[in-house]
Amino acid sequence: MRVWPCGSAEPETSSVNFMGVGAVEPNAVVVPVDATGEVCVVSSAETDVVVDVSAWFDAAVREATGRIVDTRYGIGPVPGG
């Protein structure tokens, strides 16, 4: 079975492999969605498929960087206690 973002080329490698007749096999695949939020699924044999979305990646937001503690030049021993 292959899973990929619709609108792009179908991959040549599988996302889920055949485990035997009657086998119920869970699996997890990270697949980006296309511009409309869809993924395509194709199987080389008749099968039943359940697709659950358990998480997603949001657009990255770059935060301003800065140092909380500058340890490049040493800050001395850490006090006990």
PDB file of N, CA and C in Angstrom:
ATOM      1  N   MET A   1       0.851  -1.153   0.000  1.00  0.00           N
ATOM      2  CA  MET A   1       0.000   0.000   0.000  1.00  0.00           C
ATOM      3  C   MET A   1       0.904   1.225   0.000  1.00  0.00           C
ATOM      4  N   ARG A   2       0.517   2.212  -0.778  1.00  0.00           N
ATOM      5  CA  ARG A   2       1.271   3.465  -0.852  1.00  0.00           C
ATOM      6  C   ARG A   2       0.362   4.618  -0.454  1.00  0.00           C
ATOM      7  N   VAL A   3       0.938   5.567   0.254  1.00  0.00           N
ATOM      8  CA  VAL A   3       0.218   6.766   0.695  1.00  0.00           C
ATOM      9  C   VAL A   3       1.090   7.964   0.344  1.00  0.00           C
ATOM     10  N   TRP A   4       0.484   8.996  -0.250  1.00  0.00           N
ATOM     11  CA  TRP A   4       1.242  10.177  -0.653  1.00  0.00           C
ATOM     12  C   TRP A   4       0.299  11.358  -0.803  1.00  0.00           C
ATOM     13  N   PRO A   5       0.838  12.594  -0.851  1.00  0.00           N
ATOM     14  CA  PRO A   5      -0.011  13.758  -1.074  1.00  0.00           C
ATOM     15  C   PRO A   5      -0.597  13.714  -2.483  1.00  0.00           C
ATOM     16  N   CYS A   6      -1.904  13.797  -2.602  1.00  0.00           N
ATOM     17  CA  CYS A   6      -2.543  13.821  -3.923  1.00  0.00           C
ATOM     18  C   CYS A   6      -1.985  15.002  -4.722  1.00  0.00           C
ATOM     19  N   GLY A   7      -1.929  14.860  -6.011  1.00  0.00           N
ATOM     20  CA  GLY A   7      -1.417  15.943  -6.846  1.00  0.00           C
ATOM     21  C   GLY A   7       0.074  15.851  -7.083  1.00  0.00           C
ATOM     22  N   SER A   8       0.758  14.946  -6.383  1.00  0.00           N
ATOM     23  CA  SER A   8       2.179  14.732  -6.637  1.00  0.00           C
ATOM     24  C   SER A   8       2.363  13.313  -7.172  1.00  0.00           C
ATOM     25  N   ALA A   9       3.562  13.000  -7.583  1.00  0.00           N
ATOM     26  CA  ALA A   9       3.827  11.688  -8.178  1.00  0.00           C
ATOM     27  C   ALA A   9       3.655  10.568  -7.151  1.00  0.00           C
ATOM     28  N   GLU A  10       3.053   9.477  -7.595  1.00  0.00           N
ATOM     29  CA  GLU A  10       2.888   8.312  -6.723  1.00  0.00           C
ATOM     30  C   GLU A  10       4.266   7.725  -6.409  1.00  0.00           C
ATOM     31  N   PRO A  11       4.550   7.453  -5.137  1.00  0.00           N
ATOM     32  CA  PRO A  11       5.870   6.914  -4.791  1.00  0.00           C
ATOM     33  C   PRO A  11       6.042   5.485  -5.297  1.00  0.00           C
ATOM     34  N   GLU A  12       7.281   5.073  -5.466  1.00  0.00           N
ATOM     35  CA  GLU A  12       7.573   3.716  -5.915  1.00  0.00           C
ATOM     36  C   GLU A  12       7.738   2.749  -4.747  1.00  0.00           C
ATOM     37  N   THR A  13       7.837   3.267  -3.534  1.00  0.00           N
ATOM     38  CA  THR A  13       8.018   2.418  -2.356  1.00  0.00           C
ATOM     39  C   THR A  13       6.732   2.360  -1.553  1.00  0.00           C
ATOM     40  N   SER A  14       6.578   1.288  -0.785  1.00  0.00           N
ATOM     41  CA  SER A  14       5.351   1.106  -0.014  1.00  0.00           C
ATOM     42  C   SER A  14       5.417   1.828   1.323  1.00  0.00           C
ATOM     43  N   SER A  15       4.249   2.183   1.841  1.00  0.00           N
ATOM     44  CA  SER A  15       4.120   2.771   3.167  1.00  0.00           C
ATOM     45  C   SER A  15       3.723   1.713   4.184  1.00  0.00           C
ATOM     46  N   VAL A  16       2.969   0.716   3.741  1.00  0.00           N
ATOM     47  CA  VAL A  16       2.518  -0.403   4.572  1.00  0.00           C
ATOM     48  C   VAL A  16       2.702  -1.670   3.748  1.00  0.00           C
ATOM     49  N   ASN A  17       3.251  -2.716   4.348  1.00  0.00           N
ATOM     50  CA  ASN A  17       3.509  -3.964   3.628  1.00  0.00           C
ATOM     51  C   ASN A  17       2.471  -5.029   3.952  1.00  0.00           C
ATOM     52  N   PHE A  18       2.224  -5.926   3.015  1.00  0.00           N
ATOM     53  CA  PHE A  18       1.290  -7.036   3.169  1.00  0.00           C
ATOM     54  C   PHE A  18       1.806  -7.986   4.243  1.00  0.00           C
ATOM     55  N   MET A  19       0.935  -8.347   5.198  1.00  0.00           N
ATOM     56  CA  MET A  19       1.339  -9.198   6.314  1.00  0.00           C
ATOM     57  C   MET A  19       0.680 -10.573   6.288  1.00  0.00           C
ATOM     58  N   GLY A  20      -0.168 -10.855   5.337  1.00  0.00           N
ATOM     59  CA  GLY A  20      -0.810 -12.161   5.241  1.00  0.00           C
ATOM     60  C   GLY A  20      -2.320 -12.028   5.178  1.00  0.00           C
ATOM     61  N   VAL A  21      -2.966 -13.035   4.613  1.00  0.00           N
ATOM     62  CA  VAL A  21      -4.420 -13.028   4.468  1.00  0.00           C
ATOM     63  C   VAL A  21      -5.067 -12.989   5.847  1.00  0.00           C
ATOM     64  N   GLY A  22      -6.000 -12.068   6.031  1.00  0.00           N
ATOM     65  CA  GLY A  22      -6.726 -11.945   7.290  1.00  0.00           C
ATOM     66  C   GLY A  22      -5.982 -11.205   8.383  1.00  0.00           C
ATOM     67  N   ALA A  23      -4.762 -10.797   8.130  1.00  0.00           N
ATOM     68  CA  ALA A  23      -3.982 -10.092   9.151  1.00  0.00           C
ATOM     69  C   ALA A  23      -4.530  -8.688   9.357  1.00  0.00           C
ATOM     70  N   VAL A  24      -4.617  -8.295  10.602  1.00  0.00           N
ATOM     71  CA  VAL A  24      -4.987  -6.928  10.959  1.00  0.00           C
ATOM     72  C   VAL A  24      -3.730  -6.304  11.549  1.00  0.00           C
ATOM     73  N   GLU A  25      -3.143  -5.384  10.830  1.00  0.00           N
ATOM     74  CA  GLU A  25      -1.854  -4.832  11.220  1.00  0.00           C
ATOM     75  C   GLU A  25      -1.922  -3.318  11.369  1.00  0.00           C
ATOM     76  N   PRO A  26      -1.681  -2.810  12.577  1.00  0.00           N
ATOM     77  CA  PRO A  26      -1.602  -1.359  12.738  1.00  0.00           C
ATOM     78  C   PRO A  26      -0.270  -0.857  12.189  1.00  0.00           C
ATOM     79  N   ASN A  27      -0.255   0.376  11.774  1.00  0.00           N
ATOM     80  CA  ASN A  27       0.962   0.984  11.267  1.00  0.00           C
ATOM     81  C   ASN A  27       0.812   2.489  11.385  1.00  0.00           C
ATOM     82  N   ALA A  28       1.911   3.191  11.349  1.00  0.00           N
ATOM     83  CA  ALA A  28       1.888   4.653  11.385  1.00  0.00           C
ATOM     84  C   ALA A  28       2.744   5.170  10.237  1.00  0.00           C
ATOM     85  N   VAL A  29       2.230   6.155   9.537  1.00  0.00           N
ATOM     86  CA  VAL A  29       2.929   6.742   8.401  1.00  0.00           C
ATOM     87  C   VAL A  29       2.790   8.254   8.501  1.00  0.00           C
ATOM     88  N   VAL A  30       3.890   8.967   8.347  1.00  0.00           N
ATOM     89  CA  VAL A  30       3.851  10.431   8.299  1.00  0.00           C
ATOM     90  C   VAL A  30       3.809  10.827   6.831  1.00  0.00           C
ATOM     91  N   VAL A  31       2.712  11.472   6.427  1.00  0.00           N
ATOM     92  CA  VAL A  31       2.510  11.839   5.029  1.00  0.00           C
ATOM     93  C   VAL A  31       2.050  13.290   4.967  1.00  0.00           C
ATOM     94  N   PRO A  32       2.714  14.129   4.185  1.00  0.00           N
ATOM     95  CA  PRO A  32       2.206  15.489   4.024  1.00  0.00           C
ATOM     96  C   PRO A  32       0.908  15.477   3.215  1.00  0.00           C
ATOM     97  N   VAL A  33       0.079  16.458   3.446  1.00  0.00           N
ATOM     98  CA  VAL A  33      -1.156  16.589   2.675  1.00  0.00           C
ATOM     99  C   VAL A  33      -0.901  17.512   1.487  1.00  0.00           C
ATOM    100  N   ASP A  34      -1.797  17.464   0.501  1.00  0.00           N
ATOM    101  CA  ASP A  34      -1.659  18.369  -0.635  1.00  0.00           C
ATOM    102  C   ASP A  34      -2.286  19.720  -0.285  1.00  0.00           C
ATOM    103  N   ALA A  35      -2.391  20.602  -1.259  1.00  0.00           N
ATOM    104  CA  ALA A  35      -2.914  21.954  -1.022  1.00  0.00           C
ATOM    105  C   ALA A  35      -4.353  21.954  -0.526  1.00  0.00           C
ATOM    106  N   THR A  36      -5.102  20.879  -0.799  1.00  0.00           N
ATOM    107  CA  THR A  36      -6.496  20.806  -0.347  1.00  0.00           C
ATOM    108  C   THR A  36      -6.654  19.952   0.904  1.00  0.00           C
ATOM    109  N   GLY A  37      -5.524  19.510   1.486  1.00  0.00           N
ATOM    110  CA  GLY A  37      -5.583  18.719   2.710  1.00  0.00           C
ATOM    111  C   GLY A  37      -5.832  17.244   2.491  1.00  0.00           C
ATOM    112  N   GLU A  38      -5.551  16.736   1.292  1.00  0.00           N
ATOM    113  CA  GLU A  38      -5.847  15.342   0.978  1.00  0.00           C
ATOM    114  C   GLU A  38      -4.582  14.512   0.797  1.00  0.00           C
ATOM    115  N   VAL A  39      -4.723  13.201   1.071  1.00  0.00           N
ATOM    116  CA  VAL A  39      -3.699  12.221   0.735  1.00  0.00           C
ATOM    117  C   VAL A  39      -4.345  11.151  -0.127  1.00  0.00           C
ATOM    118  N   CYS A  40      -3.558  10.510  -0.958  1.00  0.00           N
ATOM    119  CA  CYS A  40      -4.041   9.413  -1.797  1.00  0.00           C
ATOM    120  C   CYS A  40      -3.523   8.099  -1.238  1.00  0.00           C
ATOM    121  N   VAL A  41      -4.339   7.055  -1.352  1.00  0.00           N
ATOM    122  CA  VAL A  41      -3.997   5.719  -0.872  1.00  0.00           C
ATOM    123  C   VAL A  41      -4.267   4.744  -2.006  1.00  0.00           C
ATOM    124  N   VAL A  42      -3.312   3.871  -2.308  1.00  0.00           N
ATOM    125  CA  VAL A  42      -3.511   2.841  -3.323  1.00  0.00           C
ATOM    126  C   VAL A  42      -2.947   1.526  -2.795  1.00  0.00           C
ATOM    127  N   SER A  43      -3.637   0.453  -3.118  1.00  0.00           N
ATOM    128  CA  SER A  43      -3.202  -0.885  -2.733  1.00  0.00           C
ATOM    129  C   SER A  43      -3.133  -1.753  -3.980  1.00  0.00           C
ATOM    130  N   SER A  44      -2.183  -2.675  -4.004  1.00  0.00           N
ATOM    131  CA  SER A  44      -2.060  -3.577  -5.148  1.00  0.00           C
ATOM    132  C   SER A  44      -2.996  -4.776  -5.032  1.00  0.00           C
ATOM    133  N   ALA A  45      -3.715  -4.890  -3.916  1.00  0.00           N
ATOM    134  CA  ALA A  45      -4.669  -5.984  -3.714  1.00  0.00           C
ATOM    135  C   ALA A  45      -5.907  -5.435  -3.019  1.00  0.00           C
ATOM    136  N   GLU A  46      -7.007  -6.162  -3.112  1.00  0.00           N
ATOM    137  CA  GLU A  46      -8.232  -5.744  -2.436  1.00  0.00           C
ATOM    138  C   GLU A  46      -7.992  -5.741  -0.930  1.00  0.00           C
ATOM    139  N   THR A  47      -8.416  -4.678  -0.274  1.00  0.00           N
ATOM    140  CA  THR A  47      -8.177  -4.549   1.162  1.00  0.00           C
ATOM    141  C   THR A  47      -9.159  -3.568   1.772  1.00  0.00           C
ATOM    142  N   ASP A  48      -9.243  -3.564   3.072  1.00  0.00           N
ATOM    143  CA  ASP A  48      -9.980  -2.552   3.822  1.00  0.00           C
ATOM    144  C   ASP A  48      -8.954  -1.671   4.511  1.00  0.00           C
ATOM    145  N   VAL A  49      -9.231  -0.381   4.558  1.00  0.00           N
ATOM    146  CA  VAL A  49      -8.283   0.566   5.139  1.00  0.00           C
ATOM    147  C   VAL A  49      -9.015   1.485   6.093  1.00  0.00           C
ATOM    148  N   VAL A  50      -8.405   1.729   7.234  1.00  0.00           N
ATOM    149  CA  VAL A  50      -8.883   2.738   8.176  1.00  0.00           C
ATOM    150  C   VAL A  50      -7.776   3.779   8.281  1.00  0.00           C
ATOM    151  N   VAL A  51      -8.119   5.040   8.057  1.00  0.00           N
ATOM    152  CA  VAL A  51      -7.140   6.123   8.146  1.00  0.00           C
ATOM    153  C   VAL A  51      -7.533   7.023   9.305  1.00  0.00           C
ATOM    154  N   ASP A  52      -6.650   7.149  10.266  1.00  0.00           N
ATOM    155  CA  ASP A  52      -6.844   8.050  11.402  1.00  0.00           C
ATOM    156  C   ASP A  52      -5.791   9.143  11.332  1.00  0.00           C
ATOM    157  N   VAL A  53      -6.196  10.373  11.576  1.00  0.00           N
ATOM    158  CA  VAL A  53      -5.240  11.471  11.708  1.00  0.00           C
ATOM    159  C   VAL A  53      -5.022  11.662  13.197  1.00  0.00           C
ATOM    160  N   SER A  54      -3.821  11.352  13.652  1.00  0.00           N
ATOM    161  CA  SER A  54      -3.554  11.435  15.085  1.00  0.00           C
ATOM    162  C   SER A  54      -2.732  12.663  15.455  1.00  0.00           C
ATOM    163  N   ALA A  55      -2.166  13.334  14.474  1.00  0.00           N
ATOM    164  CA  ALA A  55      -1.381  14.547  14.733  1.00  0.00           C
ATOM    165  C   ALA A  55      -1.157  15.256  13.407  1.00  0.00           C
ATOM    166  N   TRP A  56      -0.688  16.486  13.478  1.00  0.00           N
ATOM    167  CA  TRP A  56      -0.315  17.207  12.265  1.00  0.00           C
ATOM    168  C   TRP A  56       0.767  18.203  12.617  1.00  0.00           C
ATOM    169  N   PHE A  57       1.496  18.616  11.605  1.00  0.00           N
ATOM    170  CA  PHE A  57       2.544  19.613  11.759  1.00  0.00           C
ATOM    171  C   PHE A  57       2.006  20.935  11.244  1.00  0.00           C
ATOM    172  N   ASP A  58       2.083  21.948  12.054  1.00  0.00           N
ATOM    173  CA  ASP A  58       1.647  23.278  11.663  1.00  0.00           C
ATOM    174  C   ASP A  58       2.814  23.987  10.975  1.00  0.00           C
ATOM    175  N   ALA A  59       2.528  25.087  10.336  1.00  0.00           N
ATOM    176  CA  ALA A  59       3.587  25.871   9.706  1.00  0.00           C
ATOM    177  C   ALA A  59       4.583  26.321  10.776  1.00  0.00           C
ATOM    178  N   ALA A  60       5.850  26.236  10.449  1.00  0.00           N
ATOM    179  CA  ALA A  60       6.885  26.614  11.406  1.00  0.00           C
ATOM    180  C   ALA A  60       6.896  28.126  11.606  1.00  0.00           C
ATOM    181  N   VAL A  61       7.087  28.529  12.827  1.00  0.00           N
ATOM    182  CA  VAL A  61       7.223  29.943  13.167  1.00  0.00           C
ATOM    183  C   VAL A  61       8.580  30.110  13.823  1.00  0.00           C
ATOM    184  N   ARG A  62       9.414  30.903  13.231  1.00  0.00           N
ATOM    185  CA  ARG A  62      10.755  31.093  13.772  1.00  0.00           C
ATOM    186  C   ARG A  62      10.705  32.094  14.916  1.00  0.00           C
ATOM    187  N   GLU A  63      11.201  31.664  16.048  1.00  0.00           N
ATOM    188  CA  GLU A  63      11.254  32.529  17.221  1.00  0.00           C
ATOM    189  C   GLU A  63      12.586  33.273  17.241  1.00  0.00           C
ATOM    190  N   ALA A  64      12.587  34.434  17.872  1.00  0.00           N
ATOM    191  CA  ALA A  64      13.825  35.183  18.036  1.00  0.00           C
ATOM    192  C   ALA A  64      14.762  34.385  18.941  1.00  0.00           C
ATOM    193  N   THR A  65      16.035  34.344  18.575  1.00  0.00           N
ATOM    194  CA  THR A  65      17.000  33.607  19.382  1.00  0.00           C
ATOM    195  C   THR A  65      17.713  34.536  20.342  1.00  0.00           C
ATOM    196  N   GLY A  66      18.216  33.988  21.396  1.00  0.00           N
ATOM    197  CA  GLY A  66      18.971  34.755  22.376  1.00  0.00           C
ATOM    198  C   GLY A  66      19.524  33.820  23.434  1.00  0.00           C
ATOM    199  N   ARG A  67      20.492  34.284  24.174  1.00  0.00           N
ATOM    200  CA  ARG A  67      21.093  33.466  25.221  1.00  0.00           C
ATOM    201  C   ARG A  67      20.484  33.816  26.572  1.00  0.00           C
ATOM    202  N   ILE A  68      20.177  32.782  27.320  1.00  0.00           N
ATOM    203  CA  ILE A  68      19.727  32.987  28.696  1.00  0.00           C
ATOM    204  C   ILE A  68      20.947  33.086  29.595  1.00  0.00           C
ATOM    205  N   VAL A  69      21.920  32.204  29.365  1.00  0.00           N
ATOM    206  CA  VAL A  69      23.190  32.219  30.091  1.00  0.00           C
ATOM    207  C   VAL A  69      24.289  32.052  29.056  1.00  0.00           C
ATOM    208  N   ASP A  70      25.288  32.916  29.104  1.00  0.00           N
ATOM    209  CA  ASP A  70      26.399  32.832  28.171  1.00  0.00           C
ATOM    210  C   ASP A  70      27.520  32.038  28.826  1.00  0.00           C
ATOM    211  N   THR A  71      27.718  30.793  28.388  1.00  0.00           N
ATOM    212  CA  THR A  71      28.742  29.929  28.981  1.00  0.00           C
ATOM    213  C   THR A  71      29.976  29.802  28.096  1.00  0.00           C
ATOM    214  N   ARG A  72      30.062  30.608  27.073  1.00  0.00           N
ATOM    215  CA  ARG A  72      31.199  30.484  26.156  1.00  0.00           C
ATOM    216  C   ARG A  72      32.529  30.755  26.845  1.00  0.00           C
ATOM    217  N   TYR A  73      32.565  31.634  27.817  1.00  0.00           N
ATOM    218  CA  TYR A  73      33.818  32.017  28.463  1.00  0.00           C
ATOM    219  C   TYR A  73      33.886  31.514  29.902  1.00  0.00           C
ATOM    220  N   GLY A  74      32.983  30.626  30.278  1.00  0.00           N
ATOM    221  CA  GLY A  74      32.985  30.085  31.636  1.00  0.00           C
ATOM    222  C   GLY A  74      32.286  31.028  32.600  1.00  0.00           C
ATOM    223  N   ILE A  75      31.635  30.457  33.564  1.00  0.00           N
ATOM    224  CA  ILE A  75      30.937  31.280  34.564  1.00  0.00           C
ATOM    225  C   ILE A  75      31.367  30.896  35.968  1.00  0.00           C
ATOM    226  N   GLY A  76      32.436  30.087  36.085  1.00  0.00           N
ATOM    227  CA  GLY A  76      32.922  29.680  37.393  1.00  0.00           C
ATOM    228  C   GLY A  76      32.183  28.460  37.894  1.00  0.00           C
ATOM    229  N   PRO A  77      32.551  28.025  39.088  1.00  0.00           N
ATOM    230  CA  PRO A  77      31.917  26.829  39.642  1.00  0.00           C
ATOM    231  C   PRO A  77      30.451  27.080  39.994  1.00  0.00           C
ATOM    232  N   VAL A  78      29.688  26.006  39.943  1.00  0.00           N
ATOM    233  CA  VAL A  78      28.282  26.096  40.327  1.00  0.00           C
ATOM    234  C   VAL A  78      28.211  26.026  41.844  1.00  0.00           C
ATOM    235  N   PRO A  79      27.555  27.001  42.495  1.00  0.00           N
ATOM    236  CA  PRO A  79      27.480  26.982  43.959  1.00  0.00           C
ATOM    237  C   PRO A  79      26.683  25.778  44.461  1.00  0.00           C
ATOM    238  N   GLY A  80      27.097  25.211  45.587  1.00  0.00           N
ATOM    239  CA  GLY A  80      26.390  24.073  46.184  1.00  0.00           C
ATOM    240  C   GLY A  80      25.114  24.521  46.870  1.00  0.00           C
ATOM    241  N   GLY A  81      24.324  23.540  47.240  1.00  0.00           N
ATOM    242  CA  GLY A  81      23.125  23.862  48.011  1.00  0.00           C
ATOM    243  C   GLY A  81      21.921  23.634  47.253  1.00  0.00           C
TER     244      GLY A  81
END
